[in-house]
Amino acid sequence: MGALTHESLVEYLIEEAYEVVDSIEAGTEAELAGELGDVLLQVVLHARLAEEHGRFDFDDVARAITAKMVRRNPHVFRPDGTLQDSFPATVEEIEQKWDAVKRAEKPGRSDPFEGIPPHLPALSLAQKSLDRAHRAGRAGKPDPAVGPVPVHTTEAELGDYLLAVAAAAREQGFDAERALRGAVRRYQGREEGSR
């Protein structure tokens, strides 16, 4: 086995993160602590690799996330890191304050999709893009040439529909994840292309 690098560890970080998700969705509280520990180990390994190259260490990571959380959540924390006496009453107020802080941090950013990791799973990428567009007041609909999606009364029915779409894509030799990522890029205005 070769030397560990940030790149060689990526697959393990992703795998461990999905194991946390599995543990949460399965409701296995006893396994959750161990799975979170596995993710933390990945953070420690990446910090140690960076430390060996003189870039940063675990303490720098902890300081950075603490400063970021205090800075980005003025509705929760005072500038000194202590808790505010009261908190916003609605999720909309929290989102407005969060968005205002993000705009102040990155004043040149005008694209609501900037900063969304392009390698998210396609369905997550689609949801995040639609959420960002809505919050930016750009909630245009995806391609209107696509027929209406059947109405579903439960999340399970929607899941069955999405599974059927993935199965149909497979039967036609399409990669559903890649297809949806492409559709999201077109929705975001980042890619021109035919269907």
N, C-alpha and C. Protein backbone atom coordinates (compact mmCIF):
# COMPACT_ATOMS: atom_id res chain seq x y z
N MET A 1 0.85 -1.19 0.00
CA MET A 1 0.00 0.00 0.00
C MET A 1 0.88 1.24 0.00
N GLY A 2 0.54 2.21 -0.86
CA GLY A 2 1.33 3.43 -0.97
C GLY A 2 1.08 4.36 0.21
N ALA A 3 1.77 5.49 0.16
CA ALA A 3 1.63 6.49 1.22
C ALA A 3 0.21 7.06 1.21
N LEU A 4 -0.28 7.36 2.40
CA LEU A 4 -1.60 7.97 2.51
C LEU A 4 -1.55 9.41 2.01
N THR A 5 -2.58 9.78 1.28
CA THR A 5 -2.74 11.16 0.79
C THR A 5 -4.19 11.56 1.04
N HIS A 6 -4.44 12.87 0.94
CA HIS A 6 -5.83 13.32 1.06
C HIS A 6 -6.67 12.63 -0.02
N GLU A 7 -6.12 12.53 -1.23
CA GLU A 7 -6.85 11.92 -2.34
C GLU A 7 -7.13 10.43 -2.08
N SER A 8 -6.15 9.72 -1.54
CA SER A 8 -6.37 8.28 -1.32
C SER A 8 -7.36 8.00 -0.20
N LEU A 9 -7.60 8.98 0.65
CA LEU A 9 -8.53 8.81 1.77
C LEU A 9 -9.96 9.24 1.45
N VAL A 10 -10.17 9.90 0.32
CA VAL A 10 -11.49 10.43 -0.01
C VAL A 10 -12.56 9.35 0.03
N GLU A 11 -12.31 8.22 -0.61
CA GLU A 11 -13.35 7.17 -0.67
C GLU A 11 -13.75 6.70 0.73
N TYR A 12 -12.81 6.68 1.67
CA TYR A 12 -13.12 6.22 3.02
C TYR A 12 -13.94 7.26 3.78
N LEU A 13 -13.63 8.54 3.55
CA LEU A 13 -14.40 9.60 4.18
C LEU A 13 -15.86 9.54 3.71
N ILE A 14 -16.05 9.36 2.42
CA ILE A 14 -17.41 9.27 1.87
C ILE A 14 -18.12 8.04 2.42
N GLU A 15 -17.42 6.91 2.42
CA GLU A 15 -18.02 5.67 2.92
C GLU A 15 -18.42 5.81 4.38
N GLU A 16 -17.54 6.38 5.19
CA GLU A 16 -17.84 6.54 6.62
C GLU A 16 -19.02 7.49 6.82
N ALA A 17 -19.10 8.55 6.02
CA ALA A 17 -20.23 9.48 6.14
C ALA A 17 -21.54 8.77 5.82
N TYR A 18 -21.54 7.94 4.79
CA TYR A 18 -22.76 7.20 4.45
C TYR A 18 -23.10 6.17 5.53
N GLU A 19 -22.11 5.63 6.20
CA GLU A 19 -22.40 4.70 7.30
C GLU A 19 -23.07 5.43 8.46
N VAL A 20 -22.70 6.69 8.67
CA VAL A 20 -23.40 7.50 9.69
C VAL A 20 -24.86 7.66 9.29
N VAL A 21 -25.09 7.98 8.01
CA VAL A 21 -26.46 8.13 7.52
C VAL A 21 -27.24 6.84 7.72
N ASP A 22 -26.63 5.71 7.36
CA ASP A 22 -27.30 4.42 7.53
C ASP A 22 -27.67 4.19 8.98
N SER A 23 -26.76 4.50 9.88
CA SER A 23 -27.00 4.30 11.31
C SER A 23 -28.15 5.18 11.80
N ILE A 24 -28.18 6.42 11.34
CA ILE A 24 -29.25 7.34 11.75
C ILE A 24 -30.59 6.86 11.21
N GLU A 25 -30.62 6.51 9.91
CA GLU A 25 -31.88 6.10 9.31
C GLU A 25 -32.39 4.76 9.85
N ALA A 26 -31.47 3.90 10.29
CA ALA A 26 -31.87 2.61 10.86
C ALA A 26 -32.26 2.76 12.33
N GLY A 27 -31.99 3.93 12.91
CA GLY A 27 -32.34 4.17 14.30
C GLY A 27 -31.49 3.39 15.28
N THR A 28 -30.29 3.05 14.87
CA THR A 28 -29.40 2.28 15.74
C THR A 28 -28.47 3.22 16.50
N GLU A 29 -29.00 3.78 17.57
CA GLU A 29 -28.27 4.76 18.38
C GLU A 29 -26.93 4.20 18.87
N ALA A 30 -26.90 2.92 19.22
CA ALA A 30 -25.66 2.33 19.73
C ALA A 30 -24.57 2.34 18.66
N GLU A 31 -24.94 2.15 17.40
CA GLU A 31 -23.95 2.15 16.32
C GLU A 31 -23.55 3.56 15.93
N LEU A 32 -24.42 4.55 16.16
CA LEU A 32 -24.16 5.91 15.74
C LEU A 32 -22.87 6.46 16.34
N ALA A 33 -22.65 6.24 17.62
CA ALA A 33 -21.43 6.77 18.26
C ALA A 33 -20.18 6.21 17.58
N GLY A 34 -20.19 4.92 17.28
CA GLY A 34 -19.04 4.32 16.61
C GLY A 34 -18.86 4.86 15.20
N GLU A 35 -19.95 5.05 14.49
CA GLU A 35 -19.86 5.55 13.11
C GLU A 35 -19.38 7.00 13.10
N LEU A 36 -19.85 7.80 14.06
CA LEU A 36 -19.35 9.18 14.17
C LEU A 36 -17.86 9.18 14.50
N GLY A 37 -17.44 8.24 15.31
CA GLY A 37 -16.02 8.10 15.62
C GLY A 37 -15.21 7.79 14.38
N ASP A 38 -15.76 6.97 13.48
CA ASP A 38 -15.07 6.65 12.23
C ASP A 38 -14.91 7.89 11.36
N VAL A 39 -15.93 8.76 11.33
CA VAL A 39 -15.82 10.01 10.57
C VAL A 39 -14.77 10.91 11.22
N LEU A 40 -14.81 10.99 12.54
CA LEU A 40 -13.82 11.80 13.25
C LEU A 40 -12.40 11.30 12.98
N LEU A 41 -12.23 9.98 12.90
CA LEU A 41 -10.91 9.43 12.57
C LEU A 41 -10.45 9.94 11.21
N GLN A 42 -11.36 10.04 10.26
CA GLN A 42 -11.00 10.56 8.94
C GLN A 42 -10.53 12.01 9.05
N VAL A 43 -11.22 12.80 9.86
CA VAL A 43 -10.82 14.20 10.07
C VAL A 43 -9.42 14.24 10.69
N VAL A 44 -9.19 13.40 11.69
CA VAL A 44 -7.88 13.36 12.35
C VAL A 44 -6.79 12.96 11.35
N LEU A 45 -7.07 11.95 10.52
CA LEU A 45 -6.08 11.52 9.53
C LEU A 45 -5.73 12.64 8.55
N HIS A 46 -6.75 13.33 8.05
CA HIS A 46 -6.50 14.43 7.10
C HIS A 46 -5.71 15.55 7.78
N ALA A 47 -6.07 15.88 9.02
CA ALA A 47 -5.35 16.93 9.75
C ALA A 47 -3.90 16.51 9.99
N ARG A 48 -3.68 15.24 10.32
CA ARG A 48 -2.32 14.75 10.56
C ARG A 48 -1.48 14.80 9.28
N LEU A 49 -2.07 14.42 8.16
CA LEU A 49 -1.36 14.52 6.87
C LEU A 49 -0.96 15.96 6.58
N ALA A 50 -1.89 16.89 6.81
CA ALA A 50 -1.59 18.30 6.57
C ALA A 50 -0.50 18.79 7.52
N GLU A 51 -0.54 18.33 8.77
CA GLU A 51 0.47 18.72 9.76
C GLU A 51 1.85 18.23 9.32
N GLU A 52 1.91 17.01 8.80
CA GLU A 52 3.20 16.47 8.33
C GLU A 52 3.79 17.30 7.20
N HIS A 53 2.93 17.99 6.46
CA HIS A 53 3.39 18.84 5.36
C HIS A 53 3.46 20.31 5.76
N GLY A 54 3.28 20.59 7.06
CA GLY A 54 3.42 21.94 7.57
C GLY A 54 2.31 22.91 7.20
N ARG A 55 1.12 22.39 6.89
CA ARG A 55 0.03 23.27 6.45
C ARG A 55 -0.91 23.66 7.60
N PHE A 56 -1.42 22.70 8.34
CA PHE A 56 -2.29 22.96 9.48
C PHE A 56 -2.36 21.69 10.31
N ASP A 57 -2.95 21.80 11.51
CA ASP A 57 -3.10 20.62 12.36
C ASP A 57 -4.53 20.55 12.88
N PHE A 58 -4.80 19.54 13.71
CA PHE A 58 -6.16 19.33 14.21
C PHE A 58 -6.66 20.53 15.00
N ASP A 59 -5.79 21.16 15.79
CA ASP A 59 -6.20 22.35 16.55
C ASP A 59 -6.66 23.47 15.62
N ASP A 60 -5.97 23.62 14.48
CA ASP A 60 -6.37 24.63 13.50
C ASP A 60 -7.76 24.32 12.95
N VAL A 61 -8.03 23.03 12.70
CA VAL A 61 -9.34 22.62 12.20
C VAL A 61 -10.42 22.97 13.23
N ALA A 62 -10.16 22.65 14.50
CA ALA A 62 -11.13 22.93 15.56
C ALA A 62 -11.35 24.44 15.72
N ARG A 63 -10.28 25.21 15.68
CA ARG A 63 -10.43 26.67 15.79
C ARG A 63 -11.22 27.24 14.61
N ALA A 64 -10.93 26.73 13.42
CA ALA A 64 -11.62 27.24 12.22
C ALA A 64 -13.11 26.96 12.27
N ILE A 65 -13.50 25.76 12.67
CA ILE A 65 -14.94 25.44 12.69
C ILE A 65 -15.64 26.22 13.81
N THR A 66 -14.96 26.41 14.93
CA THR A 66 -15.55 27.19 16.01
C THR A 66 -15.79 28.63 15.56
N ALA A 67 -14.78 29.24 14.95
CA ALA A 67 -14.92 30.63 14.47
C ALA A 67 -16.01 30.73 13.41
N LYS A 68 -16.05 29.75 12.52
CA LYS A 68 -17.06 29.76 11.45
C LYS A 68 -18.47 29.65 12.03
N MET A 69 -18.68 28.77 12.99
CA MET A 69 -20.02 28.60 13.57
C MET A 69 -20.45 29.86 14.32
N VAL A 70 -19.54 30.48 15.04
CA VAL A 70 -19.88 31.71 15.75
C VAL A 70 -20.20 32.82 14.75
N ARG A 71 -19.35 32.95 13.73
CA ARG A 71 -19.53 34.00 12.72
C ARG A 71 -20.81 33.81 11.92
N ARG A 72 -21.13 32.58 11.54
CA ARG A 72 -22.27 32.33 10.66
C ARG A 72 -23.59 32.17 11.40
N ASN A 73 -23.55 32.15 12.69
CA ASN A 73 -24.78 31.96 13.47
C ASN A 73 -24.94 33.05 14.52
N PRO A 74 -24.99 34.32 14.09
CA PRO A 74 -25.14 35.40 15.07
C PRO A 74 -26.47 35.36 15.79
N HIS A 75 -27.41 34.58 15.26
CA HIS A 75 -28.69 34.41 15.93
C HIS A 75 -28.57 33.44 17.11
N VAL A 76 -27.45 32.71 17.18
CA VAL A 76 -27.21 31.75 18.27
C VAL A 76 -26.10 32.25 19.19
N PHE A 77 -25.00 32.77 18.59
CA PHE A 77 -23.82 33.16 19.36
C PHE A 77 -23.55 34.65 19.30
N ARG A 78 -23.03 35.17 20.41
CA ARG A 78 -22.47 36.51 20.43
C ARG A 78 -21.07 36.41 19.81
N PRO A 79 -20.47 37.54 19.42
CA PRO A 79 -19.13 37.49 18.83
C PRO A 79 -18.07 36.81 19.71
N ASP A 80 -18.27 36.82 21.03
CA ASP A 80 -17.30 36.16 21.92
C ASP A 80 -17.55 34.66 22.06
N GLY A 81 -18.59 34.15 21.38
CA GLY A 81 -18.87 32.71 21.42
C GLY A 81 -19.89 32.29 22.45
N THR A 82 -20.31 33.21 23.31
CA THR A 82 -21.34 32.86 24.29
C THR A 82 -22.71 32.87 23.59
N LEU A 83 -23.67 32.19 24.20
CA LEU A 83 -25.01 32.09 23.60
C LEU A 83 -25.79 33.38 23.73
N GLN A 84 -26.59 33.68 22.70
CA GLN A 84 -27.50 34.81 22.74
C GLN A 84 -28.58 34.53 23.78
N ASP A 85 -29.21 35.58 24.28
CA ASP A 85 -30.28 35.43 25.27
C ASP A 85 -31.56 34.90 24.65
N SER A 86 -31.79 35.21 23.36
CA SER A 86 -32.99 34.73 22.69
C SER A 86 -32.62 34.35 21.26
N PHE A 87 -33.50 33.58 20.63
CA PHE A 87 -33.23 33.07 19.30
C PHE A 87 -34.38 33.42 18.37
N PRO A 88 -34.14 33.46 17.05
CA PRO A 88 -35.24 33.75 16.11
C PRO A 88 -36.37 32.74 16.28
N ALA A 89 -37.57 33.23 15.98
CA ALA A 89 -38.76 32.41 16.20
C ALA A 89 -39.03 31.45 15.05
N THR A 90 -38.56 31.77 13.84
CA THR A 90 -38.90 30.94 12.69
C THR A 90 -37.68 30.49 11.93
N VAL A 91 -37.85 29.43 11.17
CA VAL A 91 -36.78 28.92 10.31
C VAL A 91 -36.43 29.97 9.25
N GLU A 92 -37.44 30.69 8.76
CA GLU A 92 -37.21 31.71 7.74
C GLU A 92 -36.27 32.79 8.27
N GLU A 93 -36.47 33.21 9.53
CA GLU A 93 -35.59 34.21 10.13
C GLU A 93 -34.16 33.69 10.23
N ILE A 94 -34.01 32.44 10.61
CA ILE A 94 -32.68 31.84 10.71
C ILE A 94 -32.03 31.80 9.34
N GLU A 95 -32.78 31.37 8.31
CA GLU A 95 -32.23 31.31 6.95
C GLU A 95 -31.85 32.70 6.46
N GLN A 96 -32.67 33.72 6.76
CA GLN A 96 -32.36 35.09 6.33
C GLN A 96 -31.06 35.57 6.97
N LYS A 97 -30.89 35.31 8.26
CA LYS A 97 -29.66 35.73 8.95
C LYS A 97 -28.45 34.97 8.40
N TRP A 98 -28.62 33.68 8.17
CA TRP A 98 -27.54 32.85 7.62
C TRP A 98 -27.14 33.37 6.23
N ASP A 99 -28.14 33.61 5.39
CA ASP A 99 -27.87 34.10 4.04
C ASP A 99 -27.18 35.46 4.06
N ALA A 100 -27.58 36.33 4.99
CA ALA A 100 -26.96 37.65 5.10
C ALA A 100 -25.48 37.53 5.47
N VAL A 101 -25.17 36.63 6.39
CA VAL A 101 -23.78 36.41 6.79
C VAL A 101 -22.98 35.85 5.62
N LYS A 102 -23.55 34.88 4.91
CA LYS A 102 -22.86 34.29 3.76
C LYS A 102 -22.59 35.36 2.68
N ARG A 103 -23.57 36.25 2.43
CA ARG A 103 -23.37 37.32 1.44
C ARG A 103 -22.27 38.26 1.89
N ALA A 104 -22.22 38.56 3.19
CA ALA A 104 -21.18 39.45 3.70
C ALA A 104 -19.80 38.80 3.59
N GLU A 105 -19.72 37.48 3.80
CA GLU A 105 -18.44 36.77 3.71
C GLU A 105 -17.94 36.71 2.27
N LYS A 106 -18.87 36.58 1.33
CA LYS A 106 -18.50 36.42 -0.08
C LYS A 106 -19.30 37.41 -0.92
N PRO A 107 -18.97 38.71 -0.81
CA PRO A 107 -19.77 39.73 -1.48
C PRO A 107 -19.77 39.63 -3.00
N GLY A 108 -18.77 39.03 -3.60
CA GLY A 108 -18.71 38.91 -5.05
C GLY A 108 -19.53 37.77 -5.60
N ARG A 109 -20.06 36.95 -4.73
CA ARG A 109 -20.81 35.77 -5.18
C ARG A 109 -22.25 36.17 -5.53
N SER A 110 -22.58 36.03 -6.80
CA SER A 110 -23.94 36.35 -7.22
C SER A 110 -24.69 35.11 -7.68
N ASP A 111 -23.98 34.02 -7.87
CA ASP A 111 -24.58 32.78 -8.34
C ASP A 111 -25.04 31.96 -7.13
N PRO A 112 -26.35 31.73 -6.99
CA PRO A 112 -26.82 30.99 -5.80
C PRO A 112 -26.31 29.55 -5.76
N PHE A 113 -25.85 29.03 -6.89
CA PHE A 113 -25.39 27.64 -6.94
C PHE A 113 -23.91 27.50 -6.62
N GLU A 114 -23.20 28.61 -6.55
CA GLU A 114 -21.77 28.54 -6.25
C GLU A 114 -21.57 27.97 -4.86
N GLY A 115 -20.63 27.07 -4.74
CA GLY A 115 -20.34 26.47 -3.45
C GLY A 115 -21.07 25.15 -3.21
N ILE A 116 -21.97 24.77 -4.08
CA ILE A 116 -22.62 23.47 -3.95
C ILE A 116 -21.65 22.44 -4.52
N PRO A 117 -21.27 21.45 -3.74
CA PRO A 117 -20.33 20.45 -4.25
C PRO A 117 -20.90 19.73 -5.48
N PRO A 118 -20.22 19.80 -6.61
CA PRO A 118 -20.78 19.20 -7.83
C PRO A 118 -20.81 17.67 -7.81
N HIS A 119 -20.10 17.06 -6.88
CA HIS A 119 -20.07 15.60 -6.83
C HIS A 119 -21.02 15.02 -5.79
N LEU A 120 -21.95 15.84 -5.29
CA LEU A 120 -23.00 15.28 -4.43
C LEU A 120 -23.75 14.23 -5.24
N PRO A 121 -24.34 13.26 -4.57
CA PRO A 121 -25.24 12.36 -5.31
C PRO A 121 -26.28 13.21 -6.03
N ALA A 122 -26.67 12.78 -7.21
CA ALA A 122 -27.50 13.61 -8.09
C ALA A 122 -28.79 14.08 -7.45
N LEU A 123 -29.47 13.23 -6.72
CA LEU A 123 -30.72 13.66 -6.10
C LEU A 123 -30.46 14.71 -5.03
N SER A 124 -29.38 14.57 -4.28
CA SER A 124 -29.02 15.59 -3.30
C SER A 124 -28.63 16.89 -3.99
N LEU A 125 -27.90 16.77 -5.09
CA LEU A 125 -27.50 17.93 -5.87
C LEU A 125 -28.73 18.67 -6.39
N ALA A 126 -29.70 17.92 -6.87
CA ALA A 126 -30.93 18.53 -7.38
C ALA A 126 -31.66 19.26 -6.26
N GLN A 127 -31.83 18.62 -5.11
CA GLN A 127 -32.56 19.23 -4.00
C GLN A 127 -31.85 20.48 -3.50
N LYS A 128 -30.54 20.41 -3.34
CA LYS A 128 -29.78 21.57 -2.86
C LYS A 128 -29.88 22.72 -3.85
N SER A 129 -29.82 22.42 -5.14
CA SER A 129 -29.93 23.46 -6.17
C SER A 129 -31.30 24.11 -6.16
N LEU A 130 -32.35 23.29 -6.04
CA LEU A 130 -33.71 23.82 -6.00
C LEU A 130 -33.92 24.68 -4.75
N ASP A 131 -33.37 24.24 -3.60
CA ASP A 131 -33.48 25.01 -2.36
C ASP A 131 -32.78 26.36 -2.50
N ARG A 132 -31.55 26.34 -3.04
CA ARG A 132 -30.79 27.58 -3.21
C ARG A 132 -31.50 28.54 -4.16
N ALA A 133 -32.04 28.00 -5.25
CA ALA A 133 -32.74 28.85 -6.21
C ALA A 133 -33.96 29.49 -5.55
N HIS A 134 -34.69 28.72 -4.78
CA HIS A 134 -35.87 29.24 -4.09
C HIS A 134 -35.48 30.36 -3.14
N ARG A 135 -34.43 30.13 -2.34
CA ARG A 135 -34.01 31.15 -1.37
C ARG A 135 -33.47 32.40 -2.06
N ALA A 136 -32.95 32.24 -3.27
CA ALA A 136 -32.42 33.39 -4.02
C ALA A 136 -33.50 34.07 -4.86
N GLY A 137 -34.74 33.55 -4.77
CA GLY A 137 -35.82 34.12 -5.55
C GLY A 137 -35.75 33.75 -7.03
N ARG A 138 -35.03 32.68 -7.32
CA ARG A 138 -34.88 32.20 -8.69
C ARG A 138 -35.49 30.81 -8.82
N ALA A 139 -36.66 30.65 -8.28
CA ALA A 139 -37.25 29.32 -8.20
C ALA A 139 -37.91 28.88 -9.49
N GLY A 140 -37.28 29.20 -10.62
CA GLY A 140 -37.81 28.72 -11.89
C GLY A 140 -37.90 27.21 -11.88
N LYS A 141 -38.82 26.71 -12.66
CA LYS A 141 -39.02 25.26 -12.69
C LYS A 141 -38.01 24.62 -13.62
N PRO A 142 -37.67 23.36 -13.37
CA PRO A 142 -36.85 22.63 -14.34
C PRO A 142 -37.57 22.56 -15.68
N ASP A 143 -36.88 22.07 -16.68
CA ASP A 143 -37.34 22.03 -18.06
C ASP A 143 -38.84 21.75 -18.18
N PRO A 144 -39.62 22.73 -18.69
CA PRO A 144 -41.07 22.55 -18.79
C PRO A 144 -41.47 21.51 -19.85
N ALA A 145 -40.53 21.10 -20.71
CA ALA A 145 -40.85 20.10 -21.73
C ALA A 145 -41.07 18.72 -21.10
N VAL A 146 -40.60 18.56 -19.88
CA VAL A 146 -40.76 17.28 -19.20
C VAL A 146 -42.20 17.19 -18.70
N GLY A 147 -42.81 16.06 -18.89
CA GLY A 147 -44.19 15.86 -18.48
C GLY A 147 -44.36 15.98 -16.98
N PRO A 148 -45.59 16.12 -16.53
CA PRO A 148 -45.83 16.25 -15.09
C PRO A 148 -45.46 14.96 -14.34
N VAL A 149 -44.95 15.15 -13.16
CA VAL A 149 -44.60 14.02 -12.31
C VAL A 149 -45.86 13.58 -11.57
N PRO A 150 -46.13 12.30 -11.53
CA PRO A 150 -47.34 11.84 -10.81
C PRO A 150 -47.34 12.33 -9.37
N VAL A 151 -48.51 12.65 -8.87
CA VAL A 151 -48.64 13.08 -7.49
C VAL A 151 -48.50 11.86 -6.58
N HIS A 152 -47.73 12.03 -5.53
CA HIS A 152 -47.52 10.94 -4.57
C HIS A 152 -48.05 11.37 -3.21
N THR A 153 -48.67 10.47 -2.53
CA THR A 153 -49.23 10.81 -1.22
C THR A 153 -48.28 10.46 -0.09
N THR A 154 -47.28 9.64 -0.37
CA THR A 154 -46.32 9.29 0.68
C THR A 154 -44.90 9.35 0.12
N GLU A 155 -43.96 9.47 1.01
CA GLU A 155 -42.56 9.44 0.62
C GLU A 155 -42.20 8.08 0.01
N ALA A 156 -42.82 7.00 0.52
CA ALA A 156 -42.57 5.67 -0.01
C ALA A 156 -43.00 5.57 -1.47
N GLU A 157 -44.16 6.17 -1.80
CA GLU A 157 -44.62 6.16 -3.20
C GLU A 157 -43.67 6.94 -4.09
N LEU A 158 -43.20 8.07 -3.60
CA LEU A 158 -42.22 8.84 -4.35
C LEU A 158 -40.96 8.02 -4.55
N GLY A 159 -40.53 7.34 -3.51
CA GLY A 159 -39.35 6.48 -3.62
C GLY A 159 -39.53 5.39 -4.66
N ASP A 160 -40.72 4.78 -4.68
CA ASP A 160 -41.01 3.77 -5.69
C ASP A 160 -40.93 4.36 -7.09
N TYR A 161 -41.45 5.58 -7.25
CA TYR A 161 -41.42 6.24 -8.55
C TYR A 161 -39.97 6.50 -8.98
N LEU A 162 -39.16 7.03 -8.06
CA LEU A 162 -37.76 7.31 -8.38
C LEU A 162 -37.01 6.02 -8.71
N LEU A 163 -37.32 4.94 -8.00
CA LEU A 163 -36.69 3.65 -8.29
C LEU A 163 -37.09 3.18 -9.70
N ALA A 164 -38.35 3.38 -10.06
CA ALA A 164 -38.80 3.00 -11.40
C ALA A 164 -38.10 3.84 -12.47
N VAL A 165 -37.88 5.12 -12.20
CA VAL A 165 -37.15 5.98 -13.14
C VAL A 165 -35.72 5.47 -13.29
N ALA A 166 -35.07 5.13 -12.17
CA ALA A 166 -33.70 4.61 -12.23
C ALA A 166 -33.66 3.29 -13.00
N ALA A 167 -34.65 2.44 -12.78
CA ALA A 167 -34.71 1.15 -13.50
C ALA A 167 -34.89 1.37 -15.00
N ALA A 168 -35.75 2.32 -15.37
CA ALA A 168 -35.96 2.62 -16.79
C ALA A 168 -34.67 3.16 -17.41
N ALA A 169 -33.97 4.00 -16.67
CA ALA A 169 -32.69 4.52 -17.18
C ALA A 169 -31.71 3.39 -17.41
N ARG A 170 -31.64 2.48 -16.47
CA ARG A 170 -30.73 1.34 -16.60
C ARG A 170 -31.07 0.50 -17.82
N GLU A 171 -32.35 0.23 -18.01
CA GLU A 171 -32.79 -0.57 -19.16
C GLU A 171 -32.41 0.08 -20.48
N GLN A 172 -32.36 1.42 -20.49
CA GLN A 172 -32.01 2.13 -21.72
C GLN A 172 -30.51 2.39 -21.83
N GLY A 173 -29.76 1.91 -20.85
CA GLY A 173 -28.31 2.09 -20.88
C GLY A 173 -27.84 3.45 -20.42
N PHE A 174 -28.68 4.18 -19.68
CA PHE A 174 -28.32 5.50 -19.18
C PHE A 174 -27.83 5.39 -17.74
N ASP A 175 -26.97 6.32 -17.34
CA ASP A 175 -26.53 6.45 -15.97
C ASP A 175 -27.42 7.51 -15.33
N ALA A 176 -28.35 7.09 -14.46
CA ALA A 176 -29.34 8.02 -13.89
C ALA A 176 -28.67 9.13 -13.08
N GLU A 177 -27.64 8.81 -12.32
CA GLU A 177 -26.94 9.83 -11.54
C GLU A 177 -26.34 10.87 -12.46
N ARG A 178 -25.62 10.42 -13.50
CA ARG A 178 -24.98 11.34 -14.43
C ARG A 178 -26.04 12.17 -15.17
N ALA A 179 -27.14 11.52 -15.56
CA ALA A 179 -28.21 12.23 -16.26
C ALA A 179 -28.80 13.33 -15.39
N LEU A 180 -29.05 13.01 -14.13
CA LEU A 180 -29.63 14.00 -13.24
C LEU A 180 -28.63 15.11 -12.93
N ARG A 181 -27.36 14.77 -12.75
CA ARG A 181 -26.36 15.84 -12.54
C ARG A 181 -26.34 16.78 -13.73
N GLY A 182 -26.42 16.22 -14.95
CA GLY A 182 -26.45 17.06 -16.16
C GLY A 182 -27.67 17.95 -16.18
N ALA A 183 -28.83 17.40 -15.82
CA ALA A 183 -30.06 18.19 -15.78
C ALA A 183 -29.95 19.30 -14.75
N VAL A 184 -29.33 19.02 -13.60
CA VAL A 184 -29.16 20.05 -12.58
C VAL A 184 -28.22 21.14 -13.09
N ARG A 185 -27.13 20.75 -13.76
CA ARG A 185 -26.22 21.76 -14.32
C ARG A 185 -26.96 22.64 -15.33
N ARG A 186 -27.81 22.03 -16.16
CA ARG A 186 -28.58 22.83 -17.12
C ARG A 186 -29.56 23.74 -16.37
N TYR A 187 -30.19 23.23 -15.32
CA TYR A 187 -31.10 24.04 -14.50
C TYR A 187 -30.36 25.22 -13.89
N GLN A 188 -29.12 24.97 -13.45
CA GLN A 188 -28.31 26.01 -12.86
C GLN A 188 -27.77 26.99 -13.89
N GLY A 189 -27.95 26.63 -15.18
CA GLY A 189 -27.43 27.49 -16.24
C GLY A 189 -25.94 27.32 -16.47
N ARG A 190 -25.37 26.22 -16.00
CA ARG A 190 -23.94 25.98 -16.12
C ARG A 190 -23.57 25.16 -17.34
N GLU A 191 -24.54 24.58 -18.00
CA GLU A 191 -24.21 23.72 -19.13
C GLU A 191 -25.33 23.79 -20.17
N GLU A 192 -24.93 23.98 -21.37
CA GLU A 192 -25.88 23.89 -22.48
C GLU A 192 -25.79 22.48 -23.01
N GLY A 193 -26.86 21.95 -23.48
CA GLY A 193 -26.78 20.61 -24.04
C GLY A 193 -28.14 20.10 -24.44
N SER A 194 -28.10 19.07 -25.23
CA SER A 194 -29.34 18.47 -25.66
C SER A 194 -29.69 17.31 -24.75
N ARG A 195 -30.90 16.88 -24.84
CA ARG A 195 -31.37 15.77 -24.01
C ARG A 195 -31.24 14.49 -24.75
